[in-house]
Amino acid sequence: MATATKKPQTPWRVSTQAPAKKKKSQKAPDGAVVKSLNGNWGYLFTAPFVVMFLVFGLAPVVYSVYIAFFQWDPLDMTHTFVGIANFQRVVADDQFWLAVRNTFSIWALSTFPQMLMAIALANVLRNPRLKFKTFWRTMLLVPNITSVLAVAIVFGQLFSRDFGLVNLAREWLGMPNHINFVSETIPGHIAIATMITWRWLGYNALIFLAAMLAVPNELYEAAAIDGASSWRQFTNVTLPGIRNTITFVLVVGTIGGLQVFAEPLTLAGGESGGDSRQFSTLTLFLFEQAHMGNWGYAATIGIMITFIVLIISGINFFFTRRIANGENVQ
């Protein structure tokens, strides 16, 4: 007599058995919470960041503000209270204002052309017919992860006065006068701005690319149906769609551009800022004073840099946000 085989249970079979009676749910007493969801555990997980911030972030700032009111010499450990004398000195220091001019010159030569090229490059990478997209997007990050020292050495050879490729190319084009990028002001600023642009162009292009990919394709399709050209689609669809990203990149670029340090230091070959101090930026001037042992004066320069960055970033944020919201800035 054949025995009937029992079919395996499956989650897709509807059970014919009567459902078991549900037990009466017991209400948890007031104040009882799941232990793993207790909010006090959040303090434990955020404690490493808080400790790191207090030790390496807030403490140096407080200490810098404190020593800014002293004539602080770390070698003989003399701490003489001078009040606001360091602030009066920095306001009357011609080298400080020269560093301000150099910093803003390099910032303008690097930030605005870099943003225009990054937007144009991102628009090219957004093309759906582009092949090897992943390869090109990966290659854009190579300059950003390259060592600043290696970049300075390579660009130092490119902009060399006698045997640099830039001057050799100018000579090949019939311009025999070689440019001394290490001694002249504007050529030196262009050289540093070129280094900064080469290093951060791909990074900003990827940020703009992510913003462009977030723009709905329906807007491009509607513009194409209305007969808009590629340029009209770019100006009327792409740019309005990435206005907030432009604001973000411009504000972050302003903060980074006003704190440029490694490029002029390596290209000038020291903290003096070049033959005529044309490479002396704000952070390089601070480093020079700290290296000379004027810690109180260096701390004062750091406070002034912070105020300048906050003011410029605030002005920049105000105008760019109004532009992003489509308001009139006049």
C-alpha atoms as a PDB file:
ATOM      1  CA  MET A   1       0.000   0.000   0.000  1.00  0.00           C
ATOM      2  CA  ALA A   2       1.525   3.233  -1.120  1.00  0.00           C
ATOM      3  CA  THR A   3       1.948   5.881   1.498  1.00  0.00           C
ATOM      4  CA  ALA A   4       1.177   9.491   0.625  1.00  0.00           C
ATOM      5  CA  THR A   5       4.251  11.714   0.659  1.00  0.00           C
ATOM      6  CA  LYS A   6       4.010  14.839   2.712  1.00  0.00           C
ATOM      7  CA  LYS A   7       4.550  17.959   0.633  1.00  0.00           C
ATOM      8  CA  PRO A   8       7.181  20.363   1.927  1.00  0.00           C
ATOM      9  CA  GLN A   9       5.946  23.490   3.498  1.00  0.00           C
ATOM     10  CA  THR A  10       6.377  26.663   1.484  1.00  0.00           C
ATOM     11  CA  PRO A  11       5.882  30.267   2.448  1.00  0.00           C
ATOM     12  CA  TRP A  12       3.677  30.722  -0.611  1.00  0.00           C
ATOM     13  CA  ARG A  13       1.090  28.118   0.494  1.00  0.00           C
ATOM     14  CA  VAL A  14      -1.847  29.486   2.334  1.00  0.00           C
ATOM     15  CA  SER A  15      -2.279  27.622   5.573  1.00  0.00           C
ATOM     16  CA  THR A  16      -5.635  25.969   6.049  1.00  0.00           C
ATOM     17  CA  GLN A  17      -5.194  25.646   9.750  1.00  0.00           C
ATOM     18  CA  ALA A  18      -7.111  27.925  11.966  1.00  0.00           C
ATOM     19  CA  PRO A  19      -4.980  30.754  13.212  1.00  0.00           C
ATOM     20  CA  ALA A  20      -3.868  30.513  16.767  1.00  0.00           C
ATOM     21  CA  LYS A  21      -5.535  32.777  19.208  1.00  0.00           C
ATOM     22  CA  LYS A  22      -3.571  35.875  19.852  1.00  0.00           C
ATOM     23  CA  LYS A  23      -2.473  36.412  23.338  1.00  0.00           C
ATOM     24  CA  LYS A  24      -3.723  39.480  24.989  1.00  0.00           C
ATOM     25  CA  SER A  25      -1.032  42.100  24.581  1.00  0.00           C
ATOM     26  CA  GLN A  26       0.335  43.426  27.759  1.00  0.00           C
ATOM     27  CA  LYS A  27       0.941  47.131  27.869  1.00  0.00           C
ATOM     28  CA  ALA A  28       4.435  48.141  28.928  1.00  0.00           C
ATOM     29  CA  PRO A  29       4.535  50.130  32.118  1.00  0.00           C
ATOM     30  CA  ASP A  30       5.129  53.857  31.905  1.00  0.00           C
ATOM     31  CA  GLY A  31       8.802  54.824  31.522  1.00  0.00           C
ATOM     32  CA  ALA A  32       9.887  51.402  30.231  1.00  0.00           C
ATOM     33  CA  VAL A  33      11.950  51.662  27.025  1.00  0.00           C
ATOM     34  CA  VAL A  34      13.996  49.258  25.019  1.00  0.00           C
ATOM     35  CA  LYS A  35      17.539  49.385  26.313  1.00  0.00           C
ATOM     36  CA  SER A  36      19.147  49.508  22.867  1.00  0.00           C
ATOM     37  CA  LEU A  37      17.033  52.517  21.973  1.00  0.00           C
ATOM     38  CA  ASN A  38      17.966  54.504  25.023  1.00  0.00           C
ATOM     39  CA  GLY A  39      19.068  57.971  23.962  1.00  0.00           C
ATOM     40  CA  ASN A  40      21.976  57.955  26.398  1.00  0.00           C
ATOM     41  CA  TRP A  41      23.883  55.619  24.089  1.00  0.00           C
ATOM     42  CA  GLY A  42      24.156  58.481  21.608  1.00  0.00           C
ATOM     43  CA  TYR A  43      26.538  60.284  23.926  1.00  0.00           C
ATOM     44  CA  LEU A  44      28.866  57.295  23.871  1.00  0.00           C
ATOM     45  CA  PHE A  45      29.002  57.125  20.068  1.00  0.00           C
ATOM     46  CA  THR A  46      29.462  60.887  19.621  1.00  0.00           C
ATOM     47  CA  ALA A  47      32.051  61.178  22.389  1.00  0.00           C
ATOM     48  CA  PRO A  48      35.105  60.498  20.107  1.00  0.00           C
ATOM     49  CA  PHE A  49      34.162  63.360  17.791  1.00  0.00           C
ATOM     50  CA  VAL A  50      33.452  65.720  20.673  1.00  0.00           C
ATOM     51  CA  VAL A  51      36.770  64.911  22.338  1.00  0.00           C
ATOM     52  CA  MET A  52      38.706  65.325  19.051  1.00  0.00           C
ATOM     53  CA  PHE A  53      36.969  68.625  18.377  1.00  0.00           C
ATOM     54  CA  LEU A  54      37.652  69.976  21.853  1.00  0.00           C
ATOM     55  CA  VAL A  55      41.320  68.948  21.818  1.00  0.00           C
ATOM     56  CA  PHE A  56      42.288  69.709  18.220  1.00  0.00           C
ATOM     57  CA  GLY A  57      39.632  72.249  17.238  1.00  0.00           C
ATOM     58  CA  LEU A  58      38.334  74.459  20.016  1.00  0.00           C
ATOM     59  CA  ALA A  59      41.368  74.383  22.329  1.00  0.00           C
ATOM     60  CA  PRO A  60      43.836  75.751  19.710  1.00  0.00           C
ATOM     61  CA  VAL A  61      41.401  78.535  18.819  1.00  0.00           C
ATOM     62  CA  VAL A  62      41.005  79.590  22.449  1.00  0.00           C
ATOM     63  CA  TYR A  63      44.746  79.348  22.997  1.00  0.00           C
ATOM     64  CA  SER A  64      45.445  81.473  19.887  1.00  0.00           C
ATOM     65  CA  VAL A  65      43.035  84.165  21.048  1.00  0.00           C
ATOM     66  CA  TYR A  66      44.729  84.137  24.450  1.00  0.00           C
ATOM     67  CA  ILE A  67      48.310  84.503  23.202  1.00  0.00           C
ATOM     68  CA  ALA A  68      47.263  87.197  20.695  1.00  0.00           C
ATOM     69  CA  PHE A  69      47.259  89.615  23.630  1.00  0.00           C
ATOM     70  CA  PHE A  70      50.823  88.735  24.615  1.00  0.00           C
ATOM     71  CA  GLN A  71      54.323  89.224  23.302  1.00  0.00           C
ATOM     72  CA  TRP A  72      54.889  85.482  23.271  1.00  0.00           C
ATOM     73  CA  ASP A  73      58.368  84.091  22.648  1.00  0.00           C
ATOM     74  CA  PRO A  74      58.506  80.277  22.801  1.00  0.00           C
ATOM     75  CA  LEU A  75      62.309  80.138  23.095  1.00  0.00           C
ATOM     76  CA  ASP A  76      62.956  82.107  26.276  1.00  0.00           C
ATOM     77  CA  MET A  77      59.368  81.552  27.547  1.00  0.00           C
ATOM     78  CA  THR A  78      58.692  85.261  28.090  1.00  0.00           C
ATOM     79  CA  HIS A  79      55.003  86.149  28.126  1.00  0.00           C
ATOM     80  CA  THR A  80      54.482  89.902  28.261  1.00  0.00           C
ATOM     81  CA  PHE A  81      50.924  91.183  28.178  1.00  0.00           C
ATOM     82  CA  VAL A  82      50.602  93.855  25.456  1.00  0.00           C
ATOM     83  CA  GLY A  83      46.812  94.167  25.127  1.00  0.00           C
ATOM     84  CA  ILE A  84      45.725  95.129  21.613  1.00  0.00           C
ATOM     85  CA  ALA A  85      49.234  96.147  20.517  1.00  0.00           C
ATOM     86  CA  ASN A  86      49.489  93.145  18.193  1.00  0.00           C
ATOM     87  CA  PHE A  87      46.225  94.124  16.482  1.00  0.00           C
ATOM     88  CA  GLN A  88      47.449  97.693  16.044  1.00  0.00           C
ATOM     89  CA  ARG A  89      50.694  96.362  14.634  1.00  0.00           C
ATOM     90  CA  VAL A  90      49.008  94.092  12.096  1.00  0.00           C
ATOM     91  CA  VAL A  91      46.746  96.897  10.859  1.00  0.00           C
ATOM     92  CA  ALA A  92      49.788  99.119  10.251  1.00  0.00           C
ATOM     93  CA  ASP A  93      51.935  96.334   8.762  1.00  0.00           C
ATOM     94  CA  ASP A  94      52.542  96.842   5.022  1.00  0.00           C
ATOM     95  CA  GLN A  95      53.601  93.222   4.609  1.00  0.00           C
ATOM     96  CA  PHE A  96      50.257  92.065   5.980  1.00  0.00           C
ATOM     97  CA  TRP A  97      48.310  94.131   3.438  1.00  0.00           C
ATOM     98  CA  LEU A  98      50.645  92.922   0.692  1.00  0.00           C
ATOM     99  CA  ALA A  99      49.741  89.382   1.719  1.00  0.00           C
ATOM    100  CA  VAL A 100      46.055  90.343   1.563  1.00  0.00           C
ATOM    101  CA  ARG A 101      46.464  91.644  -2.004  1.00  0.00           C
ATOM    102  CA  ASN A 102      48.392  88.562  -3.073  1.00  0.00           C
ATOM    103  CA  THR A 103      45.797  86.256  -1.548  1.00  0.00           C
ATOM    104  CA  PHE A 104      42.862  87.938  -3.260  1.00  0.00           C
ATOM    105  CA  SER A 105      44.716  88.058  -6.573  1.00  0.00           C
ATOM    106  CA  ILE A 106      45.451  84.322  -6.496  1.00  0.00           C
ATOM    107  CA  TRP A 107      41.904  83.610  -5.304  1.00  0.00           C
ATOM    108  CA  ALA A 108      40.326  85.532  -8.198  1.00  0.00           C
ATOM    109  CA  LEU A 109      42.632  83.987 -10.812  1.00  0.00           C
ATOM    110  CA  SER A 110      41.896  80.470  -9.600  1.00  0.00           C
ATOM    111  CA  THR A 111      38.285  80.440  -8.404  1.00  0.00           C
ATOM    112  CA  PHE A 112      36.277  81.996 -11.231  1.00  0.00           C
ATOM    113  CA  PRO A 113      38.035  80.380 -14.246  1.00  0.00           C
ATOM    114  CA  GLN A 114      38.013  77.074 -12.394  1.00  0.00           C
ATOM    115  CA  MET A 115      34.249  77.242 -11.832  1.00  0.00           C
ATOM    116  CA  LEU A 116      33.546  78.039 -15.477  1.00  0.00           C
ATOM    117  CA  MET A 117      35.735  75.180 -16.689  1.00  0.00           C
ATOM    118  CA  ALA A 118      34.272  72.781 -14.105  1.00  0.00           C
ATOM    119  CA  ILE A 119      30.698  73.544 -15.233  1.00  0.00           C
ATOM    120  CA  ALA A 120      31.672  73.126 -18.892  1.00  0.00           C
ATOM    121  CA  LEU A 121      33.484  69.852 -18.169  1.00  0.00           C
ATOM    122  CA  ALA A 122      30.555  68.513 -16.153  1.00  0.00           C
ATOM    123  CA  ASN A 123      28.197  69.362 -18.991  1.00  0.00           C
ATOM    124  CA  VAL A 124      30.366  67.328 -21.367  1.00  0.00           C
ATOM    125  CA  LEU A 125      30.403  64.363 -18.985  1.00  0.00           C
ATOM    126  CA  ARG A 126      26.619  64.560 -18.693  1.00  0.00           C
ATOM    127  CA  ASN A 127      26.239  63.750 -22.382  1.00  0.00           C
ATOM    128  CA  PRO A 128      24.427  60.368 -22.559  1.00  0.00           C
ATOM    129  CA  ARG A 129      26.310  59.486 -25.763  1.00  0.00           C
ATOM    130  CA  LEU A 130      29.706  59.798 -24.070  1.00  0.00           C
ATOM    131  CA  LYS A 131      31.611  56.511 -23.944  1.00  0.00           C
ATOM    132  CA  PHE A 132      33.750  55.255 -21.041  1.00  0.00           C
ATOM    133  CA  LYS A 133      31.957  57.521 -18.558  1.00  0.00           C
ATOM    134  CA  THR A 134      33.293  55.740 -15.497  1.00  0.00           C
ATOM    135  CA  PHE A 135      36.866  56.005 -16.760  1.00  0.00           C
ATOM    136  CA  TRP A 136      36.674  59.751 -17.376  1.00  0.00           C
ATOM    137  CA  ARG A 137      34.994  60.413 -14.034  1.00  0.00           C
ATOM    138  CA  THR A 138      37.650  58.403 -12.233  1.00  0.00           C
ATOM    139  CA  MET A 139      40.473  60.208 -13.999  1.00  0.00           C
ATOM    140  CA  LEU A 140      39.104  63.548 -12.822  1.00  0.00           C
ATOM    141  CA  LEU A 141      39.993  62.668  -9.232  1.00  0.00           C
ATOM    142  CA  VAL A 142      43.640  61.828  -9.957  1.00  0.00           C
ATOM    143  CA  PRO A 143      44.905  65.446  -9.620  1.00  0.00           C
ATOM    144  CA  ASN A 144      43.042  65.854  -6.326  1.00  0.00           C
ATOM    145  CA  ILE A 145      44.688  62.840  -4.677  1.00  0.00           C
ATOM    146  CA  THR A 146      48.164  63.741  -5.954  1.00  0.00           C
ATOM    147  CA  SER A 147      50.641  65.070  -3.408  1.00  0.00           C
ATOM    148  CA  VAL A 148      50.888  68.854  -3.285  1.00  0.00           C
ATOM    149  CA  LEU A 149      54.675  68.604  -3.187  1.00  0.00           C
ATOM    150  CA  ALA A 150      54.720  66.501  -6.349  1.00  0.00           C
ATOM    151  CA  VAL A 151      52.393  68.962  -8.064  1.00  0.00           C
ATOM    152  CA  ALA A 152      54.632  71.891  -7.037  1.00  0.00           C
ATOM    153  CA  ILE A 153      57.753  70.137  -8.367  1.00  0.00           C
ATOM    154  CA  VAL A 154      56.124  69.378 -11.727  1.00  0.00           C
ATOM    155  CA  PHE A 155      54.678  72.854 -12.162  1.00  0.00           C
ATOM    156  CA  GLY A 156      57.940  74.375 -10.969  1.00  0.00           C
ATOM    157  CA  GLN A 157      59.609  72.682 -13.921  1.00  0.00           C
ATOM    158  CA  LEU A 158      56.854  73.799 -16.284  1.00  0.00           C
ATOM    159  CA  PHE A 159      57.161  77.439 -15.244  1.00  0.00           C
ATOM    160  CA  SER A 160      60.951  77.504 -14.970  1.00  0.00           C
ATOM    161  CA  ARG A 161      62.531  80.647 -16.399  1.00  0.00           C
ATOM    162  CA  ASP A 162      65.255  79.069 -18.545  1.00  0.00           C
ATOM    163  CA  PHE A 163      64.140  75.543 -19.432  1.00  0.00           C
ATOM    164  CA  GLY A 164      60.451  75.472 -18.512  1.00  0.00           C
ATOM    165  CA  LEU A 165      58.038  74.095 -21.068  1.00  0.00           C
ATOM    166  CA  VAL A 166      55.902  77.244 -20.920  1.00  0.00           C
ATOM    167  CA  ASN A 167      58.803  79.506 -21.873  1.00  0.00           C
ATOM    168  CA  LEU A 168      60.036  76.999 -24.467  1.00  0.00           C
ATOM    169  CA  ALA A 169      56.568  76.993 -26.026  1.00  0.00           C
ATOM    170  CA  ARG A 170      56.557  80.804 -26.082  1.00  0.00           C
ATOM    171  CA  GLU A 171      59.966  80.768 -27.748  1.00  0.00           C
ATOM    172  CA  TRP A 172      58.699  78.288 -30.339  1.00  0.00           C
ATOM    173  CA  LEU A 173      55.783  80.660 -31.042  1.00  0.00           C
ATOM    174  CA  GLY A 174      58.202  83.525 -31.696  1.00  0.00           C
ATOM    175  CA  MET A 175      58.188  85.186 -28.252  1.00  0.00           C
ATOM    176  CA  PRO A 176      61.855  85.077 -27.187  1.00  0.00           C
ATOM    177  CA  ASN A 177      61.496  86.960 -23.883  1.00  0.00           C
ATOM    178  CA  HIS A 178      61.285  84.411 -21.109  1.00  0.00           C
ATOM    179  CA  ILE A 179      58.953  85.098 -18.180  1.00  0.00           C
ATOM    180  CA  ASN A 180      60.356  84.711 -14.683  1.00  0.00           C
ATOM    181  CA  PHE A 181      57.404  83.199 -12.873  1.00  0.00           C
ATOM    182  CA  VAL A 182      59.289  83.108  -9.564  1.00  0.00           C
ATOM    183  CA  SER A 183      60.250  86.804  -9.522  1.00  0.00           C
ATOM    184  CA  GLU A 184      57.369  88.622 -11.248  1.00  0.00           C
ATOM    185  CA  THR A 185      54.084  89.212  -9.458  1.00  0.00           C
ATOM    186  CA  ILE A 186      51.305  88.573 -11.984  1.00  0.00           C
ATOM    187  CA  PRO A 187      53.049  85.645 -13.737  1.00  0.00           C
ATOM    188  CA  GLY A 188      53.746  84.130 -10.323  1.00  0.00           C
ATOM    189  CA  HIS A 189      50.091  84.441  -9.336  1.00  0.00           C
ATOM    190  CA  ILE A 190      49.061  82.864 -12.631  1.00  0.00           C
ATOM    191  CA  ALA A 191      51.418  79.952 -11.985  1.00  0.00           C
ATOM    192  CA  ILE A 192      49.952  79.316  -8.515  1.00  0.00           C
ATOM    193  CA  ALA A 193      46.391  79.736  -9.805  1.00  0.00           C
ATOM    194  CA  THR A 194      47.149  77.187 -12.534  1.00  0.00           C
ATOM    195  CA  MET A 195      48.341  74.702  -9.909  1.00  0.00           C
ATOM    196  CA  ILE A 196      45.199  75.212  -7.832  1.00  0.00           C
ATOM    197  CA  THR A 197      42.933  74.960 -10.875  1.00  0.00           C
ATOM    198  CA  TRP A 198      44.590  71.764 -12.092  1.00  0.00           C
ATOM    199  CA  ARG A 199      44.255  70.173  -8.669  1.00  0.00           C
ATOM    200  CA  TRP A 200      40.618  71.057  -7.926  1.00  0.00           C
ATOM    201  CA  LEU A 201      39.044  71.268 -11.399  1.00  0.00           C
ATOM    202  CA  GLY A 202      38.061  67.607 -11.586  1.00  0.00           C
ATOM    203  CA  TYR A 203      36.751  67.528  -8.018  1.00  0.00           C
ATOM    204  CA  ASN A 204      34.423  70.485  -8.609  1.00  0.00           C
ATOM    205  CA  ALA A 205      33.418  69.088 -11.998  1.00  0.00           C
ATOM    206  CA  LEU A 206      32.175  65.908 -10.321  1.00  0.00           C
ATOM    207  CA  ILE A 207      30.144  67.980  -7.851  1.00  0.00           C
ATOM    208  CA  PHE A 208      28.526  69.881 -10.720  1.00  0.00           C
ATOM    209  CA  LEU A 209      28.003  66.613 -12.600  1.00  0.00           C
ATOM    210  CA  ALA A 210      26.081  65.135  -9.665  1.00  0.00           C
ATOM    211  CA  ALA A 211      23.883  68.242  -9.574  1.00  0.00           C
ATOM    212  CA  MET A 212      23.281  68.102 -13.345  1.00  0.00           C
ATOM    213  CA  LEU A 213      22.285  64.436 -13.195  1.00  0.00           C
ATOM    214  CA  ALA A 214      19.675  65.368 -10.588  1.00  0.00           C
ATOM    215  CA  VAL A 215      17.923  67.721 -13.034  1.00  0.00           C
ATOM    216  CA  PRO A 216      14.830  65.883 -14.386  1.00  0.00           C
ATOM    217  CA  ASN A 217      15.150  64.692 -17.981  1.00  0.00           C
ATOM    218  CA  GLU A 218      11.571  65.784 -18.603  1.00  0.00           C
ATOM    219  CA  LEU A 219      12.732  69.392 -18.580  1.00  0.00           C
ATOM    220  CA  TYR A 220      15.246  68.710 -21.352  1.00  0.00           C
ATOM    221  CA  GLU A 221      12.648  66.785 -23.357  1.00  0.00           C
ATOM    222  CA  ALA A 222      10.152  69.629 -23.040  1.00  0.00           C
ATOM    223  CA  ALA A 223      12.794  72.152 -24.079  1.00  0.00           C
ATOM    224  CA  ALA A 224      13.748  70.013 -27.096  1.00  0.00           C
ATOM    225  CA  ILE A 225      10.097  69.754 -28.144  1.00  0.00           C
ATOM    226  CA  ASP A 226       9.834  73.542 -27.961  1.00  0.00           C
ATOM    227  CA  GLY A 227      12.805  73.774 -30.338  1.00  0.00           C
ATOM    228  CA  ALA A 228      15.461  74.888 -27.827  1.00  0.00           C
ATOM    229  CA  SER A 229      19.037  74.399 -28.955  1.00  0.00           C
ATOM    230  CA  SER A 230      21.696  72.741 -26.835  1.00  0.00           C
ATOM    231  CA  TRP A 231      22.949  76.124 -25.666  1.00  0.00           C
ATOM    232  CA  ARG A 232      19.431  77.251 -24.730  1.00  0.00           C
ATOM    233  CA  GLN A 233      18.883  74.021 -22.797  1.00  0.00           C
ATOM    234  CA  PHE A 234      22.135  74.626 -20.949  1.00  0.00           C
ATOM    235  CA  THR A 235      21.338  78.223 -20.030  1.00  0.00           C
ATOM    236  CA  ASN A 236      17.615  77.793 -19.316  1.00  0.00           C
ATOM    237  CA  VAL A 237      17.508  74.297 -17.818  1.00  0.00           C
ATOM    238  CA  THR A 238      20.940  73.206 -16.581  1.00  0.00           C
ATOM    239  CA  LEU A 239      22.186  76.407 -14.963  1.00  0.00           C
ATOM    240  CA  PRO A 240      18.942  77.162 -13.064  1.00  0.00           C
ATOM    241  CA  GLY A 241      18.901  73.560 -11.865  1.00  0.00           C
ATOM    242  CA  ILE A 242      22.385  73.754 -10.324  1.00  0.00           C
ATOM    243  CA  ARG A 243      22.223  77.242  -8.812  1.00  0.00           C
ATOM    244  CA  ASN A 244      22.396  75.939  -5.254  1.00  0.00           C
ATOM    245  CA  THR A 245      25.423  73.824  -6.137  1.00  0.00           C
ATOM    246  CA  ILE A 246      27.123  76.846  -7.682  1.00  0.00           C
ATOM    247  CA  THR A 247      26.525  78.689  -4.404  1.00  0.00           C
ATOM    248  CA  PHE A 248      28.043  75.846  -2.399  1.00  0.00           C
ATOM    249  CA  VAL A 249      31.132  75.481  -4.610  1.00  0.00           C
ATOM    250  CA  LEU A 250      31.715  79.231  -4.679  1.00  0.00           C
ATOM    251  CA  VAL A 251      31.511  79.601  -0.889  1.00  0.00           C
ATOM    252  CA  VAL A 252      33.759  76.593  -0.258  1.00  0.00           C
ATOM    253  CA  GLY A 253      36.189  77.756  -2.954  1.00  0.00           C
ATOM    254  CA  THR A 254      36.330  81.190  -1.340  1.00  0.00           C
ATOM    255  CA  ILE A 255      37.190  79.728   2.056  1.00  0.00           C
ATOM    256  CA  GLY A 256      39.872  77.489   0.554  1.00  0.00           C
ATOM    257  CA  GLY A 257      41.241  80.170  -1.759  1.00  0.00           C
ATOM    258  CA  LEU A 258      41.769  82.637   1.083  1.00  0.00           C
ATOM    259  CA  GLN A 259      43.720  79.984   2.996  1.00  0.00           C
ATOM    260  CA  VAL A 260      46.069  78.866   0.210  1.00  0.00           C
ATOM    261  CA  PHE A 261      49.390  77.804   1.688  1.00  0.00           C
ATOM    262  CA  ALA A 262      51.132  74.742   0.229  1.00  0.00           C
ATOM    263  CA  GLU A 263      51.331  75.909  -3.385  1.00  0.00           C
ATOM    264  CA  PRO A 264      53.097  79.270  -2.791  1.00  0.00           C
ATOM    265  CA  LEU A 265      55.322  77.739  -0.110  1.00  0.00           C
ATOM    266  CA  THR A 266      56.665  74.991  -2.367  1.00  0.00           C
ATOM    267  CA  LEU A 267      56.856  77.104  -5.521  1.00  0.00           C
ATOM    268  CA  ALA A 268      58.649  79.975  -3.749  1.00  0.00           C
ATOM    269  CA  GLY A 269      61.059  77.570  -2.064  1.00  0.00           C
ATOM    270  CA  GLY A 270      60.563  78.981   1.449  1.00  0.00           C
ATOM    271  CA  GLU A 271      58.345  80.979   3.755  1.00  0.00           C
ATOM    272  CA  SER A 272      59.643  84.385   2.565  1.00  0.00           C
ATOM    273  CA  GLY A 273      57.165  84.415  -0.331  1.00  0.00           C
ATOM    274  CA  GLY A 274      59.490  84.879  -3.302  1.00  0.00           C
ATOM    275  CA  ASP A 275      62.054  87.439  -4.355  1.00  0.00           C
ATOM    276  CA  SER A 276      59.684  90.400  -4.053  1.00  0.00           C
ATOM    277  CA  ARG A 277      57.227  88.685  -1.663  1.00  0.00           C
ATOM    278  CA  GLN A 278      54.791  88.187  -4.525  1.00  0.00           C
ATOM    279  CA  PHE A 279      53.941  84.720  -3.165  1.00  0.00           C
ATOM    280  CA  SER A 280      53.376  85.903   0.411  1.00  0.00           C
ATOM    281  CA  THR A 281      49.772  84.914   1.127  1.00  0.00           C
ATOM    282  CA  LEU A 282      48.007  85.364   4.446  1.00  0.00           C
ATOM    283  CA  THR A 283      48.654  81.857   5.707  1.00  0.00           C
ATOM    284  CA  LEU A 284      52.241  81.933   4.451  1.00  0.00           C
ATOM    285  CA  PHE A 285      52.793  85.251   6.253  1.00  0.00           C
ATOM    286  CA  LEU A 286      51.386  83.699   9.443  1.00  0.00           C
ATOM    287  CA  PHE A 287      53.727  80.722   9.042  1.00  0.00           C
ATOM    288  CA  GLU A 288      56.679  83.059   8.545  1.00  0.00           C
ATOM    289  CA  GLN A 289      55.969  84.985  11.741  1.00  0.00           C
ATOM    290  CA  ALA A 290      55.454  81.797  13.762  1.00  0.00           C
ATOM    291  CA  HIS A 291      58.702  80.378  12.375  1.00  0.00           C
ATOM    292  CA  MET A 292      60.493  83.537  13.534  1.00  0.00           C
ATOM    293  CA  GLY A 293      59.171  83.027  17.081  1.00  0.00           C
ATOM    294  CA  ASN A 294      56.551  85.795  17.052  1.00  0.00           C
ATOM    295  CA  TRP A 295      53.759  83.562  18.299  1.00  0.00           C
ATOM    296  CA  GLY A 296      51.595  86.360  19.651  1.00  0.00           C
ATOM    297  CA  TYR A 297      51.774  88.286  16.396  1.00  0.00           C
ATOM    298  CA  ALA A 298      51.164  85.099  14.377  1.00  0.00           C
ATOM    299  CA  ALA A 299      48.064  84.364  16.463  1.00  0.00           C
ATOM    300  CA  THR A 300      46.819  87.872  15.735  1.00  0.00           C
ATOM    301  CA  ILE A 301      47.279  87.291  12.012  1.00  0.00           C
ATOM    302  CA  GLY A 302      45.283  84.070  12.336  1.00  0.00           C
ATOM    303  CA  ILE A 303      42.422  85.950  13.980  1.00  0.00           C
ATOM    304  CA  MET A 304      42.490  88.547  11.193  1.00  0.00           C
ATOM    305  CA  ILE A 305      42.397  85.763   8.580  1.00  0.00           C
ATOM    306  CA  THR A 306      39.341  84.312  10.308  1.00  0.00           C
ATOM    307  CA  PHE A 307      37.544  87.675  10.235  1.00  0.00           C
ATOM    308  CA  ILE A 308      38.415  88.205   6.558  1.00  0.00           C
ATOM    309  CA  VAL A 309      37.194  84.736   5.598  1.00  0.00           C
ATOM    310  CA  LEU A 310      33.949  85.216   7.532  1.00  0.00           C
ATOM    311  CA  ILE A 311      33.269  88.621   5.959  1.00  0.00           C
ATOM    312  CA  ILE A 312      34.025  87.518   2.392  1.00  0.00           C
ATOM    313  CA  SER A 313      32.122  84.258   2.804  1.00  0.00           C
ATOM    314  CA  GLY A 314      29.125  86.130   4.229  1.00  0.00           C
ATOM    315  CA  ILE A 315      29.082  88.614   1.329  1.00  0.00           C
ATOM    316  CA  ASN A 316      29.583  85.798  -1.137  1.00  0.00           C
ATOM    317  CA  PHE A 317      26.812  83.722   0.413  1.00  0.00           C
ATOM    318  CA  PHE A 318      24.413  86.683   0.456  1.00  0.00           C
ATOM    319  CA  PHE A 319      24.759  87.482  -3.240  1.00  0.00           C
ATOM    320  CA  THR A 320      24.899  83.902  -4.463  1.00  0.00           C
ATOM    321  CA  ARG A 321      21.826  82.923  -2.460  1.00  0.00           C
ATOM    322  CA  ARG A 322      19.872  85.821  -3.908  1.00  0.00           C
ATOM    323  CA  ILE A 323      20.968  84.788  -7.372  1.00  0.00           C
ATOM    324  CA  ALA A 324      20.040  81.166  -6.610  1.00  0.00           C
ATOM    325  CA  ASN A 325      16.566  82.287  -5.488  1.00  0.00           C
ATOM    326  CA  GLY A 326      16.135  84.334  -8.643  1.00  0.00           C
ATOM    327  CA  GLU A 327      16.050  87.684  -6.841  1.00  0.00           C
ATOM    328  CA  ASN A 328      17.439  90.971  -8.043  1.00  0.00           C
ATOM    329  CA  VAL A 329      20.787  91.746  -6.401  1.00  0.00           C
ATOM    330  CA  GLN A 330      20.598  95.461  -7.106  1.00  0.00           C
END
